[in-house]
C-alpha atoms as a PDB file:
ATOM      1  CA  MET A   1      -7.220  -7.873  25.650  1.00  0.00           C
ATOM      2  CA  PRO A   2      -9.481  -4.792  25.953  1.00  0.00           C
ATOM      3  CA  LEU A   3      -9.180  -2.264  23.138  1.00  0.00           C
ATOM      4  CA  SER A   4      -8.251   0.485  25.626  1.00  0.00           C
ATOM      5  CA  ASN A   5      -4.972  -1.354  26.393  1.00  0.00           C
ATOM      6  CA  LEU A   6      -3.918  -1.622  22.745  1.00  0.00           C
ATOM      7  CA  LYS A   7      -1.416   0.739  21.221  1.00  0.00           C
ATOM      8  CA  LYS A   8      -2.063   2.288  17.841  1.00  0.00           C
ATOM      9  CA  THR A   9       0.480  -0.097  16.321  1.00  0.00           C
ATOM     10  CA  ASP A  10      -1.378  -3.094  17.760  1.00  0.00           C
ATOM     11  CA  LEU A  11      -4.530  -2.404  15.760  1.00  0.00           C
ATOM     12  CA  PRO A  12      -4.763  -4.128  12.383  1.00  0.00           C
ATOM     13  CA  ARG A  13      -4.180  -1.820   9.420  1.00  0.00           C
ATOM     14  CA  HIS A  14      -5.997  -2.133   6.159  1.00  0.00           C
ATOM     15  CA  LEU A  15      -3.372  -2.402   3.464  1.00  0.00           C
ATOM     16  CA  LEU A  16      -4.267  -1.906  -0.174  1.00  0.00           C
ATOM     17  CA  THR A  17      -3.575  -4.472  -2.863  1.00  0.00           C
ATOM     18  CA  VAL A  18      -1.973  -3.602  -6.190  1.00  0.00           C
ATOM     19  CA  LYS A  19      -5.378  -4.072  -7.823  1.00  0.00           C
ATOM     20  CA  GLU A  20      -7.086  -1.679  -5.387  1.00  0.00           C
ATOM     21  CA  VAL A  21      -4.433   0.996  -5.977  1.00  0.00           C
ATOM     22  CA  ALA A  22      -4.797   0.561  -9.741  1.00  0.00           C
ATOM     23  CA  GLU A  23      -8.556   1.026  -9.457  1.00  0.00           C
ATOM     24  CA  LEU A  24      -8.153   4.115  -7.256  1.00  0.00           C
ATOM     25  CA  ASP A  25      -5.635   5.656  -9.669  1.00  0.00           C
ATOM     26  CA  ASN A  26      -7.508   4.544 -12.785  1.00  0.00           C
ATOM     27  CA  CYS A  27      -4.443   2.831 -14.219  1.00  0.00           C
ATOM     28  CA  SER A  28      -3.222  -0.708 -14.835  1.00  0.00           C
ATOM     29  CA  GLU A  29      -1.797  -3.057 -12.217  1.00  0.00           C
ATOM     30  CA  LYS A  30       1.395  -3.099 -14.278  1.00  0.00           C
ATOM     31  CA  ALA A  31       1.730   0.687 -13.896  1.00  0.00           C
ATOM     32  CA  VAL A  32       1.399   0.320 -10.110  1.00  0.00           C
ATOM     33  CA  ARG A  33       4.043  -2.426 -10.080  1.00  0.00           C
ATOM     34  CA  ARG A  34       6.356  -0.191 -12.147  1.00  0.00           C
ATOM     35  CA  ALA A  35       5.928   2.648  -9.641  1.00  0.00           C
ATOM     36  CA  ILE A  36       6.815   0.241  -6.817  1.00  0.00           C
ATOM     37  CA  ALA A  37       9.824  -1.169  -8.695  1.00  0.00           C
ATOM     38  CA  SER A  38      11.176   2.312  -9.432  1.00  0.00           C
ATOM     39  CA  GLY A  39      10.798   3.372  -5.800  1.00  0.00           C
ATOM     40  CA  LEU A  40       8.089   5.975  -6.418  1.00  0.00           C
ATOM     41  CA  LEU A  41       5.511   4.059  -4.369  1.00  0.00           C
ATOM     42  CA  GLN A  42       6.419   2.290  -1.143  1.00  0.00           C
ATOM     43  CA  ALA A  43       5.083  -1.234  -0.739  1.00  0.00           C
ATOM     44  CA  ILE A  44       5.299  -3.998   1.839  1.00  0.00           C
ATOM     45  CA  ARG A  45       5.973  -7.599   0.881  1.00  0.00           C
ATOM     46  CA  VAL A  46       3.868 -10.116   2.808  1.00  0.00           C
ATOM     47  CA  GLY A  47       2.918 -13.756   2.605  1.00  0.00           C
ATOM     48  CA  PRO A  48       4.986 -16.856   1.994  1.00  0.00           C
ATOM     49  CA  GLY A  49       8.329 -15.849   0.561  1.00  0.00           C
ATOM     50  CA  GLY A  50       7.259 -12.203   0.423  1.00  0.00           C
ATOM     51  CA  ARG A  51       5.474 -12.691  -2.892  1.00  0.00           C
ATOM     52  CA  LEU A  52       2.471 -10.494  -2.164  1.00  0.00           C
ATOM     53  CA  LEU A  53       2.632  -6.698  -2.355  1.00  0.00           C
ATOM     54  CA  ARG A  54       0.572  -4.466  -0.096  1.00  0.00           C
ATOM     55  CA  ILE A  55       0.493  -0.672  -0.016  1.00  0.00           C
ATOM     56  CA  ASP A  56      -0.172   1.380   3.095  1.00  0.00           C
ATOM     57  CA  PRO A  57      -2.891   3.976   2.408  1.00  0.00           C
ATOM     58  CA  ALA A  58      -0.592   6.696   3.807  1.00  0.00           C
ATOM     59  CA  ALA A  59       2.158   5.725   1.326  1.00  0.00           C
ATOM     60  CA  HIS A  60      -0.402   5.809  -1.470  1.00  0.00           C
ATOM     61  CA  ALA A  61      -1.522   9.294  -0.400  1.00  0.00           C
ATOM     62  CA  VAL A  62       2.096  10.528  -0.450  1.00  0.00           C
ATOM     63  CA  TYR A  63       2.565   9.049  -3.921  1.00  0.00           C
ATOM     64  CA  ARG A  64      -0.614  10.656  -5.239  1.00  0.00           C
ATOM     65  CA  GLN A  65       0.332  14.011  -3.730  1.00  0.00           C
ATOM     66  CA  ALA A  66       3.848  13.937  -5.193  1.00  0.00           C
ATOM     67  CA  TYR A  67       2.923  12.576  -8.626  1.00  0.00           C
ATOM     68  CA  ARG A  68      -0.348  14.192  -9.610  1.00  0.00           C
ATOM     69  CA  TRP A  69      -1.164  14.023 -13.260  1.00  0.00           C
END
């Protein structure tokens, strides 16, 4: 399928891992998981059984904007 026929939603998105977000925010992976568990940071569960967490870069930007320290 030519790229011109693809919709924006058809293109693969790069989702961030918990580790990548922790490195970007200079904090621990546990702190990122706490933010996800408390609902401060939106995450997507992927993989078998939904075990893996991925964060959309846009959701991470919203989180950083709202919770600057």
